[in-house]
PDB file of N, CA and C in Angstrom:
ATOM      1  N   UNK A   1     -12.169   5.573  15.644  1.00  0.00           N
ATOM      2  CA  UNK A   1     -11.457   6.824  15.426  1.00  0.00           C
ATOM      3  C   UNK A   1     -10.378   6.613  14.358  1.00  0.00           C
ATOM      4  N   UNK A   2     -10.391   7.392  13.280  1.00  0.00           N
ATOM      5  CA  UNK A   2      -9.383   7.217  12.225  1.00  0.00           C
ATOM      6  C   UNK A   2      -7.983   7.531  12.739  1.00  0.00           C
ATOM      7  N   UNK A   3      -7.016   6.822  12.162  1.00  0.00           N
ATOM      8  CA  UNK A   3      -5.623   7.069  12.516  1.00  0.00           C
ATOM      9  C   UNK A   3      -5.142   8.355  11.853  1.00  0.00           C
ATOM     10  N   UNK A   4      -4.269   9.093  12.541  1.00  0.00           N
ATOM     11  CA  UNK A   4      -3.702  10.319  11.986  1.00  0.00           C
ATOM     12  C   UNK A   4      -2.647   9.970  10.946  1.00  0.00           C
ATOM     13  N   UNK A   5      -2.790  10.521   9.746  1.00  0.00           N
ATOM     14  CA  UNK A   5      -1.845  10.265   8.661  1.00  0.00           C
ATOM     15  C   UNK A   5      -0.554  11.022   8.898  1.00  0.00           C
ATOM     16  N   UNK A   6       0.553  10.369   8.603  1.00  0.00           N
ATOM     17  CA  UNK A   6       1.867  10.981   8.738  1.00  0.00           C
ATOM     18  C   UNK A   6       2.329  11.537   7.402  1.00  0.00           C
ATOM     19  N   UNK A   7       3.144  12.560   7.439  1.00  0.00           N
ATOM     20  CA  UNK A   7       3.703  13.167   6.229  1.00  0.00           C
ATOM     21  C   UNK A   7       5.036  12.490   5.904  1.00  0.00           C
ATOM     22  N   UNK A   8       4.976  11.330   5.310  1.00  0.00           N
ATOM     23  CA  UNK A   8       6.176  10.606   4.883  1.00  0.00           C
ATOM     24  C   UNK A   8       6.262  10.754   3.371  1.00  0.00           C
ATOM     25  N   UNK A   9       7.401  11.206   2.871  1.00  0.00           N
ATOM     26  CA  UNK A   9       7.553  11.508   1.436  1.00  0.00           C
ATOM     27  C   UNK A   9       7.883  10.284   0.585  1.00  0.00           C
ATOM     28  N   UNK A  10       8.711   9.369   1.118  1.00  0.00           N
ATOM     29  CA  UNK A  10       9.146   8.215   0.337  1.00  0.00           C
ATOM     30  C   UNK A  10       9.169   6.976   1.213  1.00  0.00           C
ATOM     31  N   UNK A  11       8.792   5.861   0.602  1.00  0.00           N
ATOM     32  CA  UNK A  11       8.926   4.561   1.258  1.00  0.00           C
ATOM     33  C   UNK A  11       9.533   3.578   0.261  1.00  0.00           C
ATOM     34  N   UNK A  12      10.075   2.487   0.782  1.00  0.00           N
ATOM     35  CA  UNK A  12      10.578   1.398  -0.056  1.00  0.00           C
ATOM     36  C   UNK A  12       9.810   0.142   0.308  1.00  0.00           C
ATOM     37  N   UNK A  13       9.320  -0.552  -0.700  1.00  0.00           N
ATOM     38  CA  UNK A  13       8.661  -1.831  -0.465  1.00  0.00           C
ATOM     39  C   UNK A  13       9.703  -2.937  -0.533  1.00  0.00           C
ATOM     40  N   UNK A  14       9.710  -3.801   0.452  1.00  0.00           N
ATOM     41  CA  UNK A  14      10.698  -4.879   0.492  1.00  0.00           C
ATOM     42  C   UNK A  14      10.528  -5.875  -0.653  1.00  0.00           C
ATOM     43  N   UNK A  15       9.355  -5.889  -1.299  1.00  0.00           N
ATOM     44  CA  UNK A  15       9.142  -6.770  -2.449  1.00  0.00           C
ATOM     45  C   UNK A  15       9.601  -6.136  -3.762  1.00  0.00           C
ATOM     46  N   UNK A  16      10.238  -4.962  -3.682  1.00  0.00           N
ATOM     47  CA  UNK A  16      10.849  -4.252  -4.812  1.00  0.00           C
ATOM     48  C   UNK A  16       9.847  -3.586  -5.765  1.00  0.00           C
ATOM     49  N   UNK A  17       8.555  -3.620  -5.460  1.00  0.00           N
ATOM     50  CA  UNK A  17       7.575  -2.916  -6.288  1.00  0.00           C
ATOM     51  C   UNK A  17       7.652  -1.430  -5.974  1.00  0.00           C
ATOM     52  N   UNK A  18       7.213  -0.606  -6.914  1.00  0.00           N
ATOM     53  CA  UNK A  18       7.317   0.843  -6.760  1.00  0.00           C
ATOM     54  C   UNK A  18       5.950   1.421  -6.397  1.00  0.00           C
ATOM     55  N   UNK A  19       5.870   2.111  -5.258  1.00  0.00           N
ATOM     56  CA  UNK A  19       4.598   2.699  -4.841  1.00  0.00           C
ATOM     57  C   UNK A  19       4.142   3.813  -5.788  1.00  0.00           C
ATOM     58  N   UNK A  20       2.879   3.814  -6.122  1.00  0.00           N
ATOM     59  CA  UNK A  20       2.286   4.913  -6.878  1.00  0.00           C
ATOM     60  C   UNK A  20       1.649   5.913  -5.913  1.00  0.00           C
ATOM     61  N   UNK A  21       1.060   5.383  -4.861  1.00  0.00           N
ATOM     62  CA  UNK A  21       0.374   6.188  -3.845  1.00  0.00           C
ATOM     63  C   UNK A  21       0.434   5.410  -2.546  1.00  0.00           C
ATOM     64  N   UNK A  22       0.585   6.099  -1.421  1.00  0.00           N
ATOM     65  CA  UNK A  22       0.589   5.408  -0.133  1.00  0.00           C
ATOM     66  C   UNK A  22       0.117   6.339   0.965  1.00  0.00           C
ATOM     67  N   UNK A  23      -0.294   5.732   2.059  1.00  0.00           N
ATOM     68  CA  UNK A  23      -0.754   6.452   3.244  1.00  0.00           C
ATOM     69  C   UNK A  23      -0.210   5.714   4.462  1.00  0.00           C
ATOM     70  N   UNK A  24       0.400   6.441   5.382  1.00  0.00           N
ATOM     71  CA  UNK A  24       1.064   5.848   6.543  1.00  0.00           C
ATOM     72  C   UNK A  24       0.565   6.514   7.826  1.00  0.00           C
ATOM     73  N   UNK A  25       0.403   5.699   8.871  1.00  0.00           N
ATOM     74  CA  UNK A  25       0.076   6.180  10.213  1.00  0.00           C
ATOM     75  C   UNK A  25       0.950   5.439  11.210  1.00  0.00           C
ATOM     76  N   UNK A  26       1.012   5.958  12.431  1.00  0.00           N
ATOM     77  CA  UNK A  26       1.704   5.231  13.488  1.00  0.00           C
ATOM     78  C   UNK A  26       0.880   4.008  13.854  1.00  0.00           C
ATOM     79  N   UNK A  27       1.574   2.889  14.114  1.00  0.00           N
ATOM     80  CA  UNK A  27       0.885   1.677  14.531  1.00  0.00           C
ATOM     81  C   UNK A  27       0.297   1.832  15.928  1.00  0.00           C
ATOM     82  N   UNK A  28      -0.757   1.075  16.177  1.00  0.00           N
ATOM     83  CA  UNK A  28      -1.381   1.070  17.500  1.00  0.00           C
ATOM     84  C   UNK A  28      -0.770  -0.041  18.339  1.00  0.00           C
ATOM     85  N   UNK A  29      -1.210  -0.174  19.574  1.00  0.00           N
ATOM     86  CA  UNK A  29      -0.725  -1.232  20.463  1.00  0.00           C
ATOM     87  C   UNK A  29      -0.791  -2.586  19.762  1.00  0.00           C
ATOM     88  N   UNK A  30       0.309  -3.327  19.798  1.00  0.00           N
ATOM     89  CA  UNK A  30       0.361  -4.657  19.205  1.00  0.00           C
ATOM     90  C   UNK A  30       0.707  -4.669  17.728  1.00  0.00           C
ATOM     91  N   UNK A  31       0.832  -3.513  17.094  1.00  0.00           N
ATOM     92  CA  UNK A  31       1.194  -3.421  15.681  1.00  0.00           C
ATOM     93  C   UNK A  31       2.656  -2.993  15.559  1.00  0.00           C
ATOM     94  N   UNK A  32       3.179  -3.084  14.339  1.00  0.00           N
ATOM     95  CA  UNK A  32       4.512  -2.533  14.089  1.00  0.00           C
ATOM     96  C   UNK A  32       4.435  -1.011  14.224  1.00  0.00           C
ATOM     97  N   UNK A  33       5.577  -0.350  14.215  1.00  0.00           N
ATOM     98  CA  UNK A  33       5.631   1.091  14.468  1.00  0.00           C
ATOM     99  C   UNK A  33       4.841   1.920  13.448  1.00  0.00           C
ATOM    100  N   UNK A  34       4.849   1.494  12.171  1.00  0.00           N
ATOM    101  CA  UNK A  34       4.164   2.220  11.111  1.00  0.00           C
ATOM    102  C   UNK A  34       3.304   1.256  10.313  1.00  0.00           C
ATOM    103  N   UNK A  35       2.080   1.669  10.010  1.00  0.00           N
ATOM    104  CA  UNK A  35       1.159   0.855   9.215  1.00  0.00           C
ATOM    105  C   UNK A  35       0.531   1.732   8.142  1.00  0.00           C
ATOM    106  N   UNK A  36       0.019   1.103   7.110  1.00  0.00           N
ATOM    107  CA  UNK A  36      -0.614   1.895   6.072  1.00  0.00           C
ATOM    108  C   UNK A  36      -1.127   1.052   4.928  1.00  0.00           C
ATOM    109  N   UNK A  37      -1.281   1.732   3.792  1.00  0.00           N
ATOM    110  CA  UNK A  37      -1.747   1.092   2.557  1.00  0.00           C
ATOM    111  C   UNK A  37      -0.964   1.671   1.402  1.00  0.00           C
ATOM    112  N   UNK A  38      -0.868   0.883   0.327  1.00  0.00           N
ATOM    113  CA  UNK A  38      -0.112   1.319  -0.846  1.00  0.00           C
ATOM    114  C   UNK A  38      -0.798   0.817  -2.110  1.00  0.00           C
ATOM    115  N   UNK A  39      -0.709   1.616  -3.161  1.00  0.00           N
ATOM    116  CA  UNK A  39      -1.151   1.250  -4.509  1.00  0.00           C
ATOM    117  C   UNK A  39       0.094   1.154  -5.374  1.00  0.00           C
ATOM    118  N   UNK A  40       0.228   0.061  -6.111  1.00  0.00           N
ATOM    119  CA  UNK A  40       1.402  -0.160  -6.946  1.00  0.00           C
ATOM    120  C   UNK A  40       0.996  -0.911  -8.206  1.00  0.00           C
ATOM    121  N   UNK A  41       1.802  -0.782  -9.262  1.00  0.00           N
ATOM    122  CA  UNK A  41       1.618  -1.689 -10.393  1.00  0.00           C
ATOM    123  C   UNK A  41       2.254  -3.016 -10.010  1.00  0.00           C
ATOM    124  N   UNK A  42       1.688  -4.080 -10.506  1.00  0.00           N
ATOM    125  CA  UNK A  42       2.210  -5.410 -10.236  1.00  0.00           C
ATOM    126  C   UNK A  42       3.243  -5.799 -11.277  1.00  0.00           C
ATOM    127  N   UNK A  43       3.379  -4.948 -12.323  1.00  0.00           N
ATOM    128  CA  UNK A  43       4.348  -5.169 -13.410  1.00  0.00           C
ATOM    129  C   UNK A  43       4.131  -6.489 -14.114  1.00  0.00           C
ATOM    130  N   UNK A  44       2.896  -6.836 -14.282  1.00  0.00           N
ATOM    131  CA  UNK A  44       2.549  -8.080 -14.954  1.00  0.00           C
ATOM    132  C   UNK A  44       1.523  -7.741 -16.029  1.00  0.00           C
ATOM    133  N   UNK A  45       1.874  -7.993 -17.266  1.00  0.00           N
ATOM    134  CA  UNK A  45       0.940  -7.763 -18.363  1.00  0.00           C
ATOM    135  C   UNK A  45       0.081  -9.017 -18.535  1.00  0.00           C
ATOM    136  N   UNK A  46      -1.205  -8.813 -18.606  1.00  0.00           N
ATOM    137  CA  UNK A  46      -2.151  -9.912 -18.787  1.00  0.00           C
ATOM    138  C   UNK A  46      -3.052  -9.576 -19.973  1.00  0.00           C
ATOM    139  N   UNK A  47      -3.860 -10.526 -20.443  1.00  0.00           N
ATOM    140  CA  UNK A  47      -4.788 -10.201 -21.534  1.00  0.00           C
ATOM    141  C   UNK A  47      -5.746  -9.064 -21.167  1.00  0.00           C
ATOM    142  N   UNK A  48      -6.022  -8.902 -19.882  1.00  0.00           N
ATOM    143  CA  UNK A  48      -6.918  -7.834 -19.432  1.00  0.00           C
ATOM    144  C   UNK A  48      -6.214  -6.483 -19.334  1.00  0.00           C
ATOM    145  N   UNK A  49      -4.892  -6.458 -19.342  1.00  0.00           N
ATOM    146  CA  UNK A  49      -4.132  -5.217 -19.213  1.00  0.00           C
ATOM    147  C   UNK A  49      -3.143  -5.289 -18.064  1.00  0.00           C
ATOM    148  N   UNK A  50      -2.659  -4.139 -17.649  1.00  0.00           N
ATOM    149  CA  UNK A  50      -1.718  -4.073 -16.530  1.00  0.00           C
ATOM    150  C   UNK A  50      -2.448  -4.390 -15.238  1.00  0.00           C
ATOM    151  N   UNK A  51      -1.800  -5.142 -14.401  1.00  0.00           N
ATOM    152  CA  UNK A  51      -2.406  -5.477 -13.124  1.00  0.00           C
ATOM    153  C   UNK A  51      -1.896  -4.506 -12.060  1.00  0.00           C
ATOM    154  N   UNK A  52      -2.806  -3.996 -11.272  1.00  0.00           N
ATOM    155  CA  UNK A  52      -2.483  -3.121 -10.149  1.00  0.00           C
ATOM    156  C   UNK A  52      -2.752  -3.886  -8.861  1.00  0.00           C
ATOM    157  N   UNK A  53      -2.077  -3.479  -7.790  1.00  0.00           N
ATOM    158  CA  UNK A  53      -2.261  -4.145  -6.506  1.00  0.00           C
ATOM    159  C   UNK A  53      -2.342  -3.101  -5.398  1.00  0.00           C
ATOM    160  N   UNK A  54      -3.207  -3.381  -4.442  1.00  0.00           N
ATOM    161  CA  UNK A  54      -3.348  -2.554  -3.254  1.00  0.00           C
ATOM    162  C   UNK A  54      -3.027  -3.455  -2.071  1.00  0.00           C
ATOM    163  N   UNK A  55      -2.023  -3.074  -1.276  1.00  0.00           N
ATOM    164  CA  UNK A  55      -1.611  -3.867  -0.116  1.00  0.00           C
ATOM    165  C   UNK A  55      -1.757  -3.075   1.166  1.00  0.00           C
ATOM    166  N   UNK A  56      -1.894  -3.776   2.274  1.00  0.00           N
ATOM    167  CA  UNK A  56      -1.630  -3.203   3.595  1.00  0.00           C
ATOM    168  C   UNK A  56      -0.124  -3.306   3.782  1.00  0.00           C
ATOM    169  N   UNK A  57       0.472  -2.344   4.469  1.00  0.00           N
ATOM    170  CA  UNK A  57       1.917  -2.341   4.667  1.00  0.00           C
ATOM    171  C   UNK A  57       2.259  -2.055   6.125  1.00  0.00           C
ATOM    172  N   UNK A  58       3.441  -2.528   6.539  1.00  0.00           N
ATOM    173  CA  UNK A  58       3.911  -2.289   7.896  1.00  0.00           C
ATOM    174  C   UNK A  58       5.424  -2.169   7.925  1.00  0.00           C
ATOM    175  N   UNK A  59       5.938  -1.397   8.896  1.00  0.00           N
ATOM    176  CA  UNK A  59       7.370  -1.138   8.989  1.00  0.00           C
ATOM    177  C   UNK A  59       7.754  -0.808  10.429  1.00  0.00           C
ATOM    178  N   UNK A  60       8.962  -1.166  10.787  1.00  0.00           N
ATOM    179  CA  UNK A  60       9.503  -0.749  12.087  1.00  0.00           C
ATOM    180  C   UNK A  60      10.270   0.560  11.982  1.00  0.00           C
ATOM    181  N   UNK A  61      10.815   0.881  10.787  1.00  0.00           N
ATOM    182  CA  UNK A  61      11.643   2.084  10.661  1.00  0.00           C
ATOM    183  C   UNK A  61      11.001   3.229   9.874  1.00  0.00           C
ATOM    184  N   UNK A  62       9.816   3.014   9.301  1.00  0.00           N
ATOM    185  CA  UNK A  62       9.151   4.063   8.539  1.00  0.00           C
ATOM    186  C   UNK A  62       9.714   4.289   7.148  1.00  0.00           C
ATOM    187  N   UNK A  63      10.634   3.421   6.726  1.00  0.00           N
ATOM    188  CA  UNK A  63      11.240   3.534   5.394  1.00  0.00           C
ATOM    189  C   UNK A  63      11.015   2.263   4.589  1.00  0.00           C
ATOM    190  N   UNK A  64      11.388   1.125   5.168  1.00  0.00           N
ATOM    191  CA  UNK A  64      11.293  -0.182   4.501  1.00  0.00           C
ATOM    192  C   UNK A  64      10.030  -0.893   4.968  1.00  0.00           C
ATOM    193  N   UNK A  65       9.122  -1.152   4.026  1.00  0.00           N
ATOM    194  CA  UNK A  65       7.810  -1.699   4.362  1.00  0.00           C
ATOM    195  C   UNK A  65       7.595  -3.093   3.778  1.00  0.00           C
ATOM    196  N   UNK A  66       6.996  -3.959   4.581  1.00  0.00           N
ATOM    197  CA  UNK A  66       6.509  -5.256   4.123  1.00  0.00           C
ATOM    198  C   UNK A  66       5.065  -5.092   3.691  1.00  0.00           C
ATOM    199  N   UNK A  67       4.672  -5.839   2.671  1.00  0.00           N
ATOM    200  CA  UNK A  67       3.317  -5.763   2.132  1.00  0.00           C
ATOM    201  C   UNK A  67       2.577  -7.072   2.366  1.00  0.00           C
ATOM    202  N   UNK A  68       1.256  -6.963   2.594  1.00  0.00           N
ATOM    203  CA  UNK A  68       0.426  -8.161   2.769  1.00  0.00           C
ATOM    204  C   UNK A  68      -1.018  -7.844   2.377  1.00  0.00           C
ATOM    205  N   UNK A  69      -1.809  -8.889   2.253  1.00  0.00           N
ATOM    206  CA  UNK A  69      -3.252  -8.769   1.979  1.00  0.00           C
ATOM    207  C   UNK A  69      -3.535  -7.997   0.695  1.00  0.00           C
ATOM    208  N   UNK A  70      -2.997  -8.470  -0.415  1.00  0.00           N
ATOM    209  CA  UNK A  70      -3.147  -7.779  -1.689  1.00  0.00           C
ATOM    210  C   UNK A  70      -4.499  -7.949  -2.339  1.00  0.00           C
ATOM    211  N   UNK A  71      -4.964  -6.876  -2.975  1.00  0.00           N
ATOM    212  CA  UNK A  71      -6.134  -6.895  -3.855  1.00  0.00           C
ATOM    213  C   UNK A  71      -5.621  -6.552  -5.247  1.00  0.00           C
ATOM    214  N   UNK A  72      -5.836  -7.443  -6.203  1.00  0.00           N
ATOM    215  CA  UNK A  72      -5.286  -7.295  -7.554  1.00  0.00           C
ATOM    216  C   UNK A  72      -6.411  -6.942  -8.522  1.00  0.00           C
ATOM    217  N   UNK A  73      -6.230  -5.855  -9.286  1.00  0.00           N
ATOM    218  CA  UNK A  73      -7.252  -5.387 -10.219  1.00  0.00           C
ATOM    219  C   UNK A  73      -6.599  -5.013 -11.552  1.00  0.00           C
ATOM    220  N   UNK A  74      -7.430  -4.855 -12.606  1.00  0.00           N
ATOM    221  CA  UNK A  74      -6.905  -4.656 -13.959  1.00  0.00           C
ATOM    222  C   UNK A  74      -7.067  -3.252 -14.515  1.00  0.00           C
ATOM    223  N   UNK A  75      -7.704  -2.355 -13.780  1.00  0.00           N
ATOM    224  CA  UNK A  75      -7.810  -0.984 -14.293  1.00  0.00           C
ATOM    225  C   UNK A  75      -7.387  -0.013 -13.198  1.00  0.00           C
ATOM    226  N   UNK A  76      -6.784   1.091 -13.603  1.00  0.00           N
ATOM    227  CA  UNK A  76      -6.351   2.091 -12.647  1.00  0.00           C
ATOM    228  C   UNK A  76      -7.555   2.686 -11.922  1.00  0.00           C
ATOM    229  N   UNK A  77      -8.636   2.888 -12.631  1.00  0.00           N
ATOM    230  CA  UNK A  77      -9.850   3.431 -12.003  1.00  0.00           C
ATOM    231  C   UNK A  77     -10.327   2.541 -10.865  1.00  0.00           C
ATOM    232  N   UNK A  78     -10.374   1.235 -11.111  1.00  0.00           N
ATOM    233  CA  UNK A  78     -10.789   0.294 -10.065  1.00  0.00           C
ATOM    234  C   UNK A  78      -9.752   0.240  -8.944  1.00  0.00           C
ATOM    235  N   UNK A  79      -8.469   0.308  -9.285  1.00  0.00           N
ATOM    236  CA  UNK A  79      -7.410   0.292  -8.274  1.00  0.00           C
ATOM    237  C   UNK A  79      -7.541   1.480  -7.326  1.00  0.00           C
ATOM    238  N   UNK A  80      -7.813   2.653  -7.871  1.00  0.00           N
ATOM    239  CA  UNK A  80      -7.982   3.847  -7.038  1.00  0.00           C
ATOM    240  C   UNK A  80      -9.209   3.692  -6.142  1.00  0.00           C
ATOM    241  N   UNK A  81     -10.265   3.130  -6.669  1.00  0.00           N
ATOM    242  CA  UNK A  81     -11.477   2.898  -5.877  1.00  0.00           C
ATOM    243  C   UNK A  81     -11.185   1.957  -4.700  1.00  0.00           C
ATOM    244  N   UNK A  82     -10.506   0.851  -4.975  1.00  0.00           N
ATOM    245  CA  UNK A  82     -10.163  -0.108  -3.916  1.00  0.00           C
ATOM    246  C   UNK A  82      -9.226   0.543  -2.901  1.00  0.00           C
ATOM    247  N   UNK A  83      -8.236   1.284  -3.387  1.00  0.00           N
ATOM    248  CA  UNK A  83      -7.287   1.976  -2.504  1.00  0.00           C
ATOM    249  C   UNK A  83      -8.023   2.942  -1.576  1.00  0.00           C
ATOM    250  N   UNK A  84      -8.903   3.752  -2.140  1.00  0.00           N
ATOM    251  CA  UNK A  84      -9.617   4.752  -1.332  1.00  0.00           C
ATOM    252  C   UNK A  84     -10.501   4.107  -0.266  1.00  0.00           C
ATOM    253  N   UNK A  85     -10.990   2.901  -0.518  1.00  0.00           N
ATOM    254  CA  UNK A  85     -11.856   2.221   0.430  1.00  0.00           C
ATOM    255  C   UNK A  85     -11.099   1.280   1.367  1.00  0.00           C
ATOM    256  N   UNK A  86      -9.809   1.097   1.151  1.00  0.00           N
ATOM    257  CA  UNK A  86      -8.996   0.166   1.952  1.00  0.00           C
ATOM    258  C   UNK A  86      -8.795   0.727   3.352  1.00  0.00           C
ATOM    259  N   UNK A  87      -9.090  -0.083   4.357  1.00  0.00           N
ATOM    260  CA  UNK A  87      -8.819   0.258   5.754  1.00  0.00           C
ATOM    261  C   UNK A  87      -7.514  -0.408   6.166  1.00  0.00           C
ATOM    262  N   UNK A  88      -6.840   0.170   7.118  1.00  0.00           N
ATOM    263  CA  UNK A  88      -5.623  -0.448   7.650  1.00  0.00           C
ATOM    264  C   UNK A  88      -5.547  -0.216   9.123  1.00  0.00           C
TER     265      UNK A  88
END
C-alpha cells in the first residue's frame, strides 16, 4: 500500500544541498517520523556536466532532513526518471 504524501512546502537538508523536488510521508513503525525522497543538484561540475543526486530522506521534525542512499546521475532527464521510480 503506497504511503500518503504530505503537503510540506519547504524542507532543509542537513547536508546543505538545496532540494529541487521532494516527496514526504509519515514514517511507519520503526522509522523516523517523516520519510521521503529528494532530487537535488550535487553542485559538482564534471566533464559529463552537472551531477544530480536522488536521496532517501528522513526527519523527526518534518523540517530538517538527513539524506542517505544516493543515486548520482549526469542529466536532469535521467535524474527525474530515477526520482520518479525511487521508492522510500
